[in-house]
Amino acid sequence: MTFRIRVFALVAVVVLVATGASTYLTFTLAENAVTASAQAQQQVMREIAEEVTQYGRNHGTWEGVAEVAAGIARRTGRRIRLDTQDGAVGIVDTAVLEGRPVTPMTKLTFPIDARTQLDLPAASGKEREITLLAIEQYRQEIRFAACLSRAGVQAQAVTTQYGLPLITHNTAPPDTVAECRIGTASQPRSITRDTEEVGRCFDATGEPAPPGKRAAATPTREPDPAQHLRTCLREVFLSRISIVGPEPLRLAVSSEDGIDTTPIILAFSVVAVPIVLGSLLLSRHVLRPIQRLTVATRRFGEGSLDQRVSVDGGDELAQLAATFNGMADSVQRAEEQQRRMIADIAHELRTPLANVRAYLEALEDGLVSADATLFGSLHEETMLQQRIIDDLQTLALAEAGALEYHRSAVDIGELLDSCRAAHQAAAAAVAVELAVIAEPALLVHADAGRLRQAVGNLVTNAVRHSPAGTTVTLSALRHGHTVQVRVTDRGCGIPAEDQPRVFHRFWRADRARTRATGGSGLGLTIARQITVDHGGSIGLVSEPGQGTTFTISLPATPSPDRPNEGRAPS
């Protein structure tokens, strides 16, 4: 009798017994525990969410929310966890904060959004002005609330006209209030961008744009144009205030009552008896490979990533051993890649942080004066760190498949013209020309913003490595059923041995890894990921001393006047 038949016989017995026990557990626990506590759990979550939401409205930031969550946890005896809406970042976990045992969380979650919902009047004719003023007022009040909170002042948000918050306080010293107000007023404003975003809700005549012509329109159909306008402006308002307001969170709370484990123990006992009897029927010769695999797995879990098992024969156990070895190889490679990535990130952030620290210590010791040059240098170092972090976040979202794409028909020629206009000033500063050569009516189905980001990264890289007086060429042409976008420079080129590493994280051509000739080291990696997400590919051709050409290939979309273009022959 083969191992497969023996295991099948054992599993068949286990399945018959486990099916009865599972059925019993499903009905008893689902009816008695889940149904009885679901409404109470939702009520508790709703009360906790209201308290946390009020904190975000009053303080304008989630800083310090851990203390509020810990207080609620002590009062209710529940474990509370606050995550971002996508679950990618954990904000607070009271069990971790207080060092308590990690109790199971229910599958129910509750959304928390402390941002204001814009309450526009009906058909006032001043929706555009009201929205622009509301965006700026909200930013100022939220920044003011966050400043007071960081200063230890208890602030409170009062709802005013259009649903906007007004931050009040009772114990704030006048100096603190003045300093926070001045700091709030000095924050950079985005009037131009705000006006552009709000303008999308109107057509060329200033009337509300039809839903199908708005960039931010929802797919629902509403007969009232004014309602369409208010919906669009509310969406724009939320989009523009998200950069300063507390981001939406997701609340998870542990269950108060534990589950009665008596039926589980009973069912386990019933299932365990045939398992033990069936295991005794298996010979030691059959179990020995499993024992070796078990020992290797335990040691592997304890951190010995070099554990491997011998593969003897070609039966199911040999296949299992080979699968384990392959998995161990993958985990070990992933661990090594993670360590290298952490080392790279630490290397990238160490220098700017050291510079900022040195300047601050010099200021504290009175060795340098606080002038515009010093603040400019500190700002430059801070922006460098911000760019690295933003690039890391974009890359992480893209590799996780969480980066949003809004696809439409994109004219590559127009996209290259916009890239040239965006980088013209930077290129002119180093005496480099930008030229665009594109065939007409080259269409692809893509996210124009993300594709422009990918091409822009290639253009930035090309300008950075181009000698003064040369030209960087942006070209587009049709190649079979694809559209190829090429960025060509006349720089020093990339050696053949370095070309396979060009798209790796934090790789730079200069061995010293200086920032004089390199950015965050993530631009080409992001460009590759965006291209792959669009179903395309990216490659390069480079000759040392002759220059480099990066090529993005994307599936072509038929143009309206030539519908057969971009289609494979049938």
Protein backbone atom coordinates (compact mmCIF):
# COMPACT_ATOMS: atom_id res chain seq x y z
CA MET A 1 0.00 0.00 0.00
CA THR A 2 1.51 3.32 -1.06
CA PHE A 3 1.87 6.31 1.19
CA ARG A 4 -0.82 8.14 -0.77
CA ILE A 5 -3.37 5.38 -0.15
CA ARG A 6 -2.52 5.16 3.54
CA VAL A 7 -2.84 8.86 4.02
CA PHE A 8 -6.04 8.91 1.98
CA ALA A 9 -7.58 6.23 4.19
CA LEU A 10 -6.58 8.11 7.32
CA VAL A 11 -7.80 11.45 5.98
CA ALA A 12 -11.12 9.86 4.91
CA VAL A 13 -11.79 8.75 8.47
CA VAL A 14 -10.75 12.10 9.86
CA VAL A 15 -12.95 13.95 7.38
CA LEU A 16 -16.04 11.94 8.31
CA VAL A 17 -15.58 12.62 12.00
CA ALA A 18 -14.44 16.21 11.54
CA THR A 19 -17.43 16.98 9.33
CA GLY A 20 -19.85 16.09 12.10
CA ALA A 21 -17.88 18.02 14.70
CA SER A 22 -17.47 21.02 12.40
CA THR A 23 -21.19 21.09 11.67
CA TYR A 24 -21.96 21.08 15.37
CA LEU A 25 -19.47 23.83 16.08
CA THR A 26 -20.68 25.93 13.16
CA PHE A 27 -24.29 26.01 14.30
CA THR A 28 -23.77 26.27 18.04
CA LEU A 29 -21.00 28.89 18.00
CA ALA A 30 -22.46 30.90 15.12
CA GLU A 31 -25.94 31.06 16.66
CA ASN A 32 -25.03 31.40 20.33
CA ALA A 33 -21.87 33.53 20.20
CA VAL A 34 -21.67 35.50 16.97
CA THR A 35 -25.35 36.44 16.67
CA ALA A 36 -25.70 37.29 20.36
CA SER A 37 -22.72 39.65 20.46
CA ALA A 38 -22.77 41.23 16.99
CA GLN A 39 -25.06 44.16 17.82
CA ALA A 40 -23.34 44.84 21.14
CA GLN A 41 -19.96 44.78 19.42
CA GLN A 42 -21.11 47.23 16.78
CA GLN A 43 -22.46 49.60 19.43
CA VAL A 44 -19.17 49.54 21.34
CA MET A 45 -17.23 50.15 18.13
CA ARG A 46 -19.55 53.03 17.22
CA GLU A 47 -19.00 54.72 20.61
CA ILE A 48 -15.23 54.27 20.42
CA ALA A 49 -15.20 55.56 16.84
CA GLU A 50 -17.12 58.69 17.85
CA GLU A 51 -14.64 59.45 20.64
CA VAL A 52 -11.62 58.93 18.38
CA THR A 53 -13.23 60.95 15.58
CA GLN A 54 -13.87 63.85 17.95
CA TYR A 55 -10.22 63.76 18.99
CA GLY A 56 -9.12 64.04 15.36
CA ARG A 57 -11.48 66.96 14.75
CA ASN A 58 -10.33 68.83 17.85
CA HIS A 59 -6.59 68.26 17.39
CA GLY A 60 -6.23 68.23 13.61
CA THR A 61 -3.77 65.34 13.84
CA TRP A 62 -3.59 61.76 15.07
CA GLU A 63 -0.52 62.55 17.19
CA GLY A 64 -1.39 61.63 20.76
CA VAL A 65 -4.33 59.43 19.79
CA ALA A 66 -2.48 56.48 21.34
CA GLU A 67 -3.16 57.91 24.82
CA VAL A 68 -6.85 58.31 24.01
CA ALA A 69 -7.05 54.73 22.70
CA ALA A 70 -5.21 53.42 25.77
CA GLY A 71 -7.68 55.22 28.05
CA ILE A 72 -10.63 53.74 26.21
CA ALA A 73 -9.02 50.30 26.35
CA ARG A 74 -8.59 50.53 30.12
CA ARG A 75 -12.14 51.76 30.54
CA THR A 76 -13.77 49.12 28.33
CA GLY A 77 -11.35 46.25 28.81
CA ARG A 78 -11.06 45.87 25.03
CA ARG A 79 -8.05 45.73 22.80
CA ILE A 80 -8.22 48.60 20.28
CA ARG A 81 -6.34 48.78 16.99
CA LEU A 82 -6.30 51.74 14.59
CA ASP A 83 -4.98 51.21 11.07
CA THR A 84 -5.04 53.22 7.87
CA GLN A 85 -8.01 52.54 5.60
CA ASP A 86 -6.01 50.19 3.39
CA GLY A 87 -4.59 48.38 6.44
CA ALA A 88 -1.02 48.98 5.25
CA VAL A 89 0.06 51.06 8.28
CA GLY A 90 -0.79 50.37 11.93
CA ILE A 91 -1.37 53.57 13.93
CA VAL A 92 -2.22 52.24 17.40
CA ASP A 93 -2.50 48.81 19.04
CA THR A 94 -3.28 49.11 22.75
CA ALA A 95 -2.18 45.54 23.48
CA VAL A 96 1.30 46.35 22.17
CA LEU A 97 1.39 49.74 23.94
CA GLU A 98 0.58 48.28 27.36
CA GLY A 99 2.44 45.00 26.94
CA ARG A 100 -0.71 42.95 27.40
CA PRO A 101 -1.48 39.60 25.78
CA VAL A 102 -2.66 40.00 22.20
CA THR A 103 -6.34 39.01 22.28
CA PRO A 104 -8.14 38.00 19.07
CA MET A 105 -9.82 40.77 17.09
CA THR A 106 -13.26 40.47 15.54
CA LYS A 107 -13.56 40.59 11.78
CA LEU A 108 -15.80 43.65 12.06
CA THR A 109 -14.14 46.99 11.38
CA PHE A 110 -15.48 50.52 11.66
CA PRO A 111 -14.41 53.46 9.47
CA ILE A 112 -13.21 56.65 11.13
CA ASP A 113 -13.05 59.91 9.18
CA ALA A 114 -12.38 63.11 11.13
CA ARG A 115 -12.37 65.28 8.02
CA THR A 116 -15.11 67.85 7.53
CA GLN A 117 -17.87 67.24 5.00
CA LEU A 118 -18.45 70.44 3.06
CA ASP A 119 -22.08 71.62 3.42
CA LEU A 120 -22.71 73.81 0.38
CA PRO A 121 -25.88 75.93 0.11
CA ALA A 122 -28.35 75.04 -2.59
CA ALA A 123 -27.94 76.94 -5.90
CA SER A 124 -26.27 80.04 -4.44
CA GLY A 125 -24.20 80.81 -7.54
CA LYS A 126 -21.10 81.19 -5.37
CA GLU A 127 -20.19 77.54 -5.04
CA ARG A 128 -16.74 78.04 -6.62
CA GLU A 129 -15.72 80.88 -4.26
CA ILE A 130 -17.19 79.13 -1.21
CA THR A 131 -15.29 75.93 -1.97
CA LEU A 132 -11.94 77.71 -2.47
CA LEU A 133 -12.38 79.70 0.75
CA ALA A 134 -13.52 76.55 2.60
CA ILE A 135 -10.41 74.63 1.51
CA GLU A 136 -8.06 77.35 2.73
CA GLN A 137 -10.02 77.95 5.96
CA TYR A 138 -10.01 74.25 6.81
CA ARG A 139 -6.26 73.98 6.22
CA GLN A 140 -5.56 76.97 8.46
CA GLU A 141 -7.81 75.77 11.28
CA ILE A 142 -6.49 72.19 11.18
CA ARG A 143 -2.87 73.37 11.14
CA PHE A 144 -3.71 75.71 14.01
CA ALA A 145 -5.28 72.84 15.96
CA ALA A 146 -2.28 70.59 15.31
CA CYS A 147 0.09 73.36 16.47
CA LEU A 148 -1.90 73.90 19.69
CA SER A 149 -1.96 70.16 20.33
CA ARG A 150 1.81 69.88 19.94
CA ALA A 151 2.14 72.79 22.39
CA GLY A 152 0.09 70.90 24.97
CA VAL A 153 -3.04 73.07 24.62
CA GLN A 154 -6.45 71.43 24.75
CA ALA A 155 -8.30 72.55 21.61
CA GLN A 156 -11.90 72.06 20.60
CA ALA A 157 -13.48 72.19 17.16
CA VAL A 158 -16.78 74.09 16.80
CA THR A 159 -18.78 73.59 13.61
CA THR A 160 -19.44 76.83 11.77
CA GLN A 161 -20.92 77.84 8.42
CA TYR A 162 -20.71 75.22 5.63
CA GLY A 163 -19.74 72.61 8.24
CA LEU A 164 -16.22 74.04 8.65
CA PRO A 165 -14.43 73.72 11.99
CA LEU A 166 -13.44 76.68 14.16
CA ILE A 167 -10.75 75.82 16.71
CA THR A 168 -11.34 77.26 20.19
CA HIS A 169 -9.25 77.04 23.35
CA ASN A 170 -9.49 78.08 26.98
CA THR A 171 -6.01 77.72 28.47
CA ALA A 172 -3.68 78.66 25.61
CA PRO A 173 -1.15 81.41 26.44
CA PRO A 174 -1.40 84.39 24.08
CA ASP A 175 2.18 83.83 22.89
CA THR A 176 1.40 80.25 21.92
CA VAL A 177 -1.76 81.27 20.06
CA ALA A 178 0.07 84.01 18.19
CA GLU A 179 2.96 81.73 17.30
CA CYS A 180 0.62 79.03 16.02
CA ARG A 181 -1.43 81.53 14.02
CA ILE A 182 1.70 83.03 12.47
CA GLY A 183 3.07 79.58 11.67
CA THR A 184 -0.26 78.59 10.12
CA ALA A 185 -0.37 81.70 7.95
CA SER A 186 3.19 81.07 6.74
CA GLN A 187 2.40 77.60 5.44
CA PRO A 188 2.62 77.22 1.63
CA ARG A 189 -0.64 77.63 -0.22
CA SER A 190 -1.90 75.79 -3.27
CA ILE A 191 -4.30 78.39 -4.66
CA THR A 192 -3.48 77.62 -8.29
CA ARG A 193 -3.94 73.87 -7.87
CA ASP A 194 -7.09 74.40 -5.80
CA THR A 195 -8.55 76.63 -8.51
CA GLU A 196 -7.73 74.07 -11.21
CA GLU A 197 -9.32 71.21 -9.27
CA VAL A 198 -12.47 73.22 -8.49
CA GLY A 199 -12.62 74.37 -12.13
CA ARG A 200 -13.10 70.77 -13.27
CA CYS A 201 -16.62 70.90 -11.86
CA PHE A 202 -17.55 73.69 -14.30
CA ASP A 203 -17.58 73.90 -18.06
CA ALA A 204 -16.06 76.66 -20.21
CA THR A 205 -19.08 78.96 -19.62
CA GLY A 206 -18.85 78.66 -15.85
CA GLU A 207 -21.94 76.46 -15.62
CA PRO A 208 -21.91 73.08 -13.80
CA ALA A 209 -20.22 70.53 -16.04
CA PRO A 210 -22.20 67.42 -17.01
CA PRO A 211 -21.19 64.35 -14.95
CA GLY A 212 -19.59 62.55 -17.89
CA LYS A 213 -17.16 65.47 -18.50
CA ARG A 214 -15.79 65.84 -14.99
CA ALA A 215 -12.56 64.18 -13.97
CA ALA A 216 -13.86 63.54 -10.47
CA ALA A 217 -17.44 62.65 -11.42
CA THR A 218 -19.07 59.58 -9.96
CA PRO A 219 -20.79 57.03 -12.22
CA THR A 220 -24.20 57.64 -10.61
CA ARG A 221 -26.95 59.44 -12.53
CA GLU A 222 -28.69 62.37 -10.85
CA PRO A 223 -31.29 64.56 -12.58
CA ASP A 224 -30.36 67.77 -10.72
CA PRO A 225 -27.30 69.63 -12.18
CA ALA A 226 -26.93 71.59 -8.94
CA GLN A 227 -26.70 68.35 -7.00
CA HIS A 228 -24.07 67.13 -9.44
CA LEU A 229 -22.10 70.32 -8.82
CA ARG A 230 -22.30 70.03 -5.03
CA THR A 231 -21.22 66.38 -5.19
CA CYS A 232 -18.23 67.25 -7.38
CA LEU A 233 -17.18 70.18 -5.18
CA ARG A 234 -17.43 68.04 -2.04
CA GLU A 235 -15.13 65.47 -3.66
CA VAL A 236 -12.66 68.18 -4.63
CA PHE A 237 -12.83 69.64 -1.11
CA LEU A 238 -12.00 66.26 0.47
CA SER A 239 -9.20 65.67 -2.03
CA ARG A 240 -7.55 69.05 -1.41
CA ILE A 241 -7.79 69.00 2.41
CA SER A 242 -6.44 65.45 2.70
CA ILE A 243 -2.84 66.74 2.61
CA VAL A 244 -3.29 68.45 6.01
CA GLY A 245 -6.25 66.79 7.69
CA PRO A 246 -6.09 63.58 9.72
CA GLU A 247 -6.26 60.66 7.31
CA PRO A 248 -9.19 58.22 7.48
CA LEU A 249 -8.62 55.23 9.76
CA ARG A 250 -10.12 51.82 10.34
CA LEU A 251 -11.08 50.69 13.86
CA ALA A 252 -10.88 47.11 15.07
CA VAL A 253 -11.91 46.04 18.59
CA SER A 254 -11.49 42.75 20.43
CA SER A 255 -14.51 40.81 21.59
CA GLU A 256 -15.49 41.19 25.24
CA ASP A 257 -16.59 37.65 25.91
CA GLY A 258 -14.45 34.66 25.11
CA ILE A 259 -15.80 31.74 23.09
CA ASP A 260 -16.86 28.64 24.97
CA THR A 261 -14.16 26.14 24.13
CA THR A 262 -15.97 23.10 25.52
CA PRO A 263 -17.49 22.03 22.17
CA ILE A 264 -14.15 22.63 20.49
CA ILE A 265 -12.31 20.47 23.02
CA LEU A 266 -14.92 17.76 22.69
CA ALA A 267 -14.77 17.80 18.91
CA PHE A 268 -10.99 17.81 19.01
CA SER A 269 -11.01 14.78 21.26
CA VAL A 270 -13.32 12.92 18.90
CA VAL A 271 -11.14 13.84 15.92
CA ALA A 272 -7.84 13.17 17.68
CA VAL A 273 -8.61 9.51 18.46
CA PRO A 274 -8.74 8.31 14.82
CA ILE A 275 -5.78 10.53 13.99
CA VAL A 276 -3.65 8.87 16.66
CA LEU A 277 -4.78 5.39 15.67
CA GLY A 278 -4.15 6.10 12.00
CA SER A 279 -0.71 7.51 12.74
CA LEU A 280 0.26 4.34 14.56
CA LEU A 281 -0.49 2.40 11.38
CA LEU A 282 2.15 4.32 9.47
CA SER A 283 5.50 2.64 9.56
CA ARG A 284 8.65 4.32 10.86
CA HIS A 285 10.13 4.14 7.38
CA VAL A 286 7.35 6.37 6.09
CA LEU A 287 7.45 8.79 9.03
CA ARG A 288 11.24 9.24 9.09
CA PRO A 289 11.32 11.73 6.17
CA ILE A 290 8.48 13.65 7.80
CA GLN A 291 10.40 13.77 11.07
CA ARG A 292 13.47 15.13 9.30
CA LEU A 293 11.31 17.70 7.57
CA THR A 294 9.68 18.64 10.88
CA VAL A 295 13.04 19.17 12.57
CA ALA A 296 14.30 21.24 9.66
CA THR A 297 11.09 23.30 9.65
CA ARG A 298 11.35 24.00 13.39
CA ARG A 299 14.95 25.10 13.12
CA PHE A 300 14.10 27.14 10.07
CA GLY A 301 11.36 28.89 12.05
CA GLU A 302 13.86 29.61 14.82
CA GLY A 303 16.08 31.50 12.39
CA SER A 304 18.39 28.86 10.89
CA LEU A 305 17.69 29.76 7.27
CA ASP A 306 20.35 27.35 5.97
CA GLN A 307 18.26 24.29 6.87
CA ARG A 308 17.71 21.86 3.99
CA VAL A 309 16.50 18.24 3.78
CA SER A 310 17.74 15.46 1.53
CA VAL A 311 15.55 14.44 -1.40
CA ASP A 312 15.36 10.66 -1.84
CA GLY A 313 13.25 9.03 -4.55
CA GLY A 314 10.42 10.58 -6.51
CA ASP A 315 7.30 10.00 -4.41
CA GLU A 316 5.11 12.59 -2.69
CA LEU A 317 7.47 12.91 0.29
CA ALA A 318 10.41 13.59 -2.02
CA GLN A 319 8.35 16.26 -3.79
CA LEU A 320 7.49 17.76 -0.40
CA ALA A 321 11.17 17.85 0.57
CA ALA A 322 12.08 19.48 -2.73
CA THR A 323 9.30 22.04 -2.23
CA PHE A 324 10.59 22.82 1.26
CA ASN A 325 14.12 23.31 -0.06
CA GLY A 326 12.82 25.65 -2.76
CA MET A 327 10.81 27.59 -0.22
CA ALA A 328 13.82 27.85 2.08
CA ASP A 329 15.93 29.15 -0.79
CA SER A 330 13.29 31.79 -1.59
CA VAL A 331 12.96 32.88 2.05
CA GLN A 332 16.72 33.10 2.47
CA ARG A 333 17.04 35.20 -0.69
CA ALA A 334 14.19 37.43 0.44
CA GLU A 335 15.83 37.87 3.86
CA GLU A 336 19.11 38.85 2.24
CA GLN A 337 17.34 41.28 -0.09
CA GLN A 338 15.49 42.80 2.85
CA ARG A 339 18.72 43.31 4.77
CA ARG A 340 20.33 44.93 1.76
CA MET A 341 17.32 47.18 1.27
CA ILE A 342 17.33 48.24 4.94
CA ALA A 343 21.04 48.99 4.68
CA ASP A 344 20.42 51.02 1.51
CA ILE A 345 17.61 53.01 3.14
CA ALA A 346 19.76 53.68 6.20
CA HIS A 347 22.59 54.81 3.93
CA GLU A 348 20.30 57.15 1.99
CA LEU A 349 18.83 58.79 5.10
CA ARG A 350 21.99 58.91 7.21
CA THR A 351 23.73 61.74 5.35
CA PRO A 352 20.83 64.25 5.20
CA LEU A 353 19.88 63.52 8.81
CA ALA A 354 23.49 63.99 9.89
CA ASN A 355 23.62 67.32 8.06
CA VAL A 356 20.40 68.55 9.65
CA ARG A 357 21.59 67.43 13.08
CA ALA A 358 24.94 69.16 12.64
CA TYR A 359 23.27 72.43 11.67
CA LEU A 360 20.82 72.24 14.57
CA GLU A 361 23.59 71.52 17.08
CA ALA A 362 25.62 74.39 15.65
CA LEU A 363 22.60 76.67 16.04
CA GLU A 364 22.11 75.48 19.61
CA ASP A 365 25.76 76.14 20.45
CA GLY A 366 25.72 79.53 18.72
CA LEU A 367 28.37 78.55 16.20
CA VAL A 368 26.28 79.65 13.22
CA SER A 369 23.60 82.27 12.76
CA ALA A 370 20.05 81.53 11.64
CA ASP A 371 20.01 83.21 8.24
CA ALA A 372 18.21 82.53 4.98
CA THR A 373 21.11 80.47 3.60
CA LEU A 374 21.06 78.13 6.59
CA PHE A 375 17.30 77.68 6.44
CA GLY A 376 17.55 77.03 2.72
CA SER A 377 20.13 74.33 3.33
CA LEU A 378 18.00 72.71 6.04
CA HIS A 379 14.98 72.86 3.76
CA GLU A 380 16.94 71.23 0.94
CA GLU A 381 18.03 68.37 3.17
CA THR A 382 14.47 67.92 4.46
CA MET A 383 13.05 67.84 0.94
CA LEU A 384 15.66 65.24 -0.02
CA GLN A 385 14.49 62.97 2.78
CA GLN A 386 10.87 63.62 1.83
CA ARG A 387 11.57 62.70 -1.79
CA ILE A 388 13.22 59.43 -0.76
CA ILE A 389 10.30 58.54 1.51
CA ASP A 390 7.72 59.48 -1.15
CA ASP A 391 9.53 57.36 -3.74
CA LEU A 392 9.68 54.44 -1.31
CA GLN A 393 5.96 54.73 -0.64
CA THR A 394 5.10 54.91 -4.35
CA LEU A 395 7.30 51.89 -5.06
CA ALA A 396 5.84 49.90 -2.16
CA LEU A 397 2.28 50.60 -3.33
CA ALA A 398 3.15 49.70 -6.92
CA GLU A 399 4.86 46.43 -5.99
CA ALA A 400 1.96 45.53 -3.69
CA GLY A 401 -0.56 46.19 -6.48
CA ALA A 402 -2.20 48.96 -4.43
CA LEU A 403 -1.21 51.89 -6.64
CA GLU A 404 -4.34 53.34 -8.23
CA TYR A 405 -4.48 53.80 -11.99
CA HIS A 406 -7.12 55.85 -13.82
CA ARG A 407 -6.76 54.66 -17.39
CA SER A 408 -7.96 56.41 -20.52
CA ALA A 409 -6.84 56.95 -24.11
CA VAL A 410 -3.53 58.87 -23.94
CA ASP A 411 -1.86 60.59 -26.90
CA ILE A 412 1.84 59.85 -26.50
CA GLY A 413 2.88 62.90 -28.53
CA GLU A 414 0.98 65.23 -26.20
CA LEU A 415 2.36 63.41 -23.17
CA LEU A 416 5.95 63.88 -24.40
CA ASP A 417 5.29 67.58 -25.06
CA SER A 418 4.05 68.02 -21.49
CA CYS A 419 7.13 66.20 -20.15
CA ARG A 420 9.39 68.50 -22.14
CA ALA A 421 7.59 71.58 -20.81
CA ALA A 422 7.81 70.30 -17.23
CA HIS A 423 11.58 69.63 -17.41
CA GLN A 424 12.58 72.50 -19.70
CA ALA A 425 13.65 74.80 -16.87
CA ALA A 426 15.81 72.15 -15.16
CA ALA A 427 17.42 71.23 -18.48
CA ALA A 428 18.10 74.84 -19.40
CA ALA A 429 19.81 75.37 -16.05
CA VAL A 430 22.52 72.88 -17.09
CA ALA A 431 22.57 73.97 -20.76
CA VAL A 432 20.81 70.84 -22.06
CA GLU A 433 18.20 70.97 -24.82
CA LEU A 434 15.02 68.86 -24.86
CA ALA A 435 13.58 67.74 -28.21
CA VAL A 436 10.41 65.78 -29.00
CA ILE A 437 9.96 63.60 -32.11
CA ALA A 438 6.65 61.73 -32.21
CA GLU A 439 4.51 60.15 -34.89
CA PRO A 440 0.93 61.43 -34.96
CA ALA A 441 -2.04 59.62 -33.40
CA LEU A 442 -0.05 57.28 -31.14
CA LEU A 443 -2.60 56.21 -28.53
CA VAL A 444 -2.24 53.91 -25.54
CA HIS A 445 -4.71 52.96 -22.82
CA ALA A 446 -2.95 54.17 -19.67
CA ASP A 447 -3.00 56.44 -16.65
CA ALA A 448 -1.64 59.69 -18.06
CA GLY A 449 -0.33 60.93 -14.72
CA ARG A 450 1.53 57.74 -13.83
CA LEU A 451 2.89 57.32 -17.34
CA ARG A 452 4.08 60.93 -17.27
CA GLN A 453 5.79 60.15 -13.95
CA ALA A 454 7.62 57.17 -15.50
CA VAL A 455 8.76 59.14 -18.55
CA GLY A 456 9.64 62.10 -16.33
CA ASN A 457 11.93 59.90 -14.25
CA LEU A 458 13.74 58.86 -17.43
CA VAL A 459 14.03 62.49 -18.57
CA THR A 460 15.36 63.60 -15.18
CA ASN A 461 17.94 60.83 -15.28
CA ALA A 462 18.96 61.72 -18.85
CA VAL A 463 19.33 65.45 -18.10
CA ARG A 464 21.38 64.70 -15.01
CA HIS A 465 23.90 62.66 -16.99
CA SER A 466 24.02 64.83 -20.15
CA PRO A 467 26.98 67.15 -20.78
CA ALA A 468 26.28 70.83 -21.32
CA GLY A 469 25.46 71.72 -24.91
CA THR A 470 23.91 68.33 -25.77
CA THR A 471 20.32 67.36 -26.51
CA VAL A 472 18.04 64.86 -24.81
CA THR A 473 15.56 63.47 -27.34
CA LEU A 474 12.08 62.24 -26.44
CA SER A 475 10.75 60.16 -29.32
CA ALA A 476 7.70 57.99 -29.93
CA LEU A 477 7.01 55.59 -32.76
CA ARG A 478 4.85 52.61 -33.61
CA HIS A 479 6.56 49.22 -33.64
CA GLY A 480 4.20 46.45 -34.68
CA HIS A 481 1.35 46.37 -32.19
CA THR A 482 3.20 48.44 -29.60
CA VAL A 483 4.07 52.09 -29.07
CA GLN A 484 7.68 52.73 -28.11
CA VAL A 485 8.70 55.77 -26.09
CA ARG A 486 12.43 56.46 -26.18
CA VAL A 487 14.51 58.86 -24.09
CA THR A 488 18.00 59.31 -25.57
CA ASP A 489 20.91 61.24 -24.09
CA ARG A 490 24.49 61.82 -25.18
CA GLY A 491 26.07 61.21 -21.80
CA CYS A 492 28.89 58.97 -20.70
CA GLY A 493 26.82 55.78 -21.08
CA ILE A 494 26.49 52.78 -18.76
CA PRO A 495 29.07 49.96 -18.71
CA ALA A 496 27.75 46.58 -19.80
CA GLU A 497 28.43 45.01 -16.40
CA ASP A 498 26.27 47.66 -14.68
CA GLN A 499 23.29 47.54 -17.03
CA PRO A 500 21.54 44.55 -15.33
CA ARG A 501 21.49 46.56 -12.06
CA VAL A 502 20.14 49.82 -13.48
CA PHE A 503 16.56 49.16 -12.32
CA HIS A 504 17.56 47.95 -8.85
CA ARG A 505 16.60 50.00 -5.82
CA PHE A 506 19.13 52.69 -4.81
CA TRP A 507 21.55 51.78 -7.58
CA ARG A 508 23.57 54.69 -8.97
CA ALA A 509 26.17 54.82 -11.65
CA ASP A 510 28.64 56.72 -9.47
CA ARG A 511 30.50 54.40 -7.13
CA ALA A 512 30.57 56.97 -4.33
CA ARG A 513 26.74 57.09 -4.35
CA THR A 514 26.78 60.88 -4.08
CA ARG A 515 23.75 63.06 -4.68
CA ALA A 516 25.56 65.39 -6.99
CA THR A 517 24.99 62.93 -9.84
CA GLY A 518 22.03 60.99 -8.52
CA GLY A 519 18.59 61.39 -6.97
CA SER A 520 16.90 59.00 -4.59
CA GLY A 521 18.02 55.97 -6.60
CA LEU A 522 14.39 54.85 -7.01
CA GLY A 523 13.28 56.68 -10.16
CA LEU A 524 14.16 53.94 -12.64
CA THR A 525 12.69 51.26 -10.35
CA ILE A 526 9.41 53.18 -10.16
CA ALA A 527 9.42 53.71 -13.94
CA ARG A 528 9.83 49.97 -14.50
CA GLN A 529 7.02 49.07 -12.08
CA ILE A 530 4.59 51.56 -13.63
CA THR A 531 5.44 50.25 -17.12
CA VAL A 532 4.90 46.63 -16.06
CA ASP A 533 1.57 47.54 -14.44
CA HIS A 534 0.48 48.93 -17.81
CA GLY A 535 1.28 45.64 -19.54
CA GLY A 536 4.48 46.95 -21.11
CA SER A 537 8.22 46.56 -20.77
CA ILE A 538 11.22 48.81 -20.35
CA GLY A 539 14.81 48.34 -21.48
CA LEU A 540 17.93 50.25 -22.37
CA VAL A 541 20.70 50.36 -24.92
CA SER A 542 23.92 52.06 -23.87
CA GLU A 543 27.44 52.45 -25.19
CA PRO A 544 30.12 53.93 -22.90
CA GLY A 545 31.02 57.36 -24.22
CA GLN A 546 28.12 57.39 -26.72
CA GLY A 547 25.05 57.84 -24.52
CA THR A 548 22.05 55.83 -23.38
CA THR A 549 18.56 55.15 -24.75
CA PHE A 550 15.76 53.97 -22.47
CA THR A 551 12.78 52.44 -24.28
CA ILE A 552 9.26 51.95 -22.88
CA SER A 553 7.06 49.61 -24.96
CA LEU A 554 3.29 49.74 -24.40
CA PRO A 555 0.37 48.02 -26.16
CA ALA A 556 -1.00 50.36 -28.82
CA THR A 557 -4.62 51.53 -28.86
CA PRO A 558 -6.34 51.94 -32.25
CA SER A 559 -6.85 55.56 -33.28
CA PRO A 560 -10.38 56.61 -34.34
CA ASP A 561 -9.35 57.23 -37.97
CA ARG A 562 -7.38 53.96 -38.26
CA PRO A 563 -9.35 51.36 -36.19
CA ASN A 564 -7.18 48.38 -37.21
CA GLU A 565 -3.99 49.79 -35.69
CA GLY A 566 -2.77 48.09 -32.54
CA ARG A 567 -4.74 44.90 -33.21
CA ALA A 568 -3.15 41.54 -33.76
CA PRO A 569 -4.10 39.88 -37.07
CA SER A 570 -6.82 37.27 -36.71
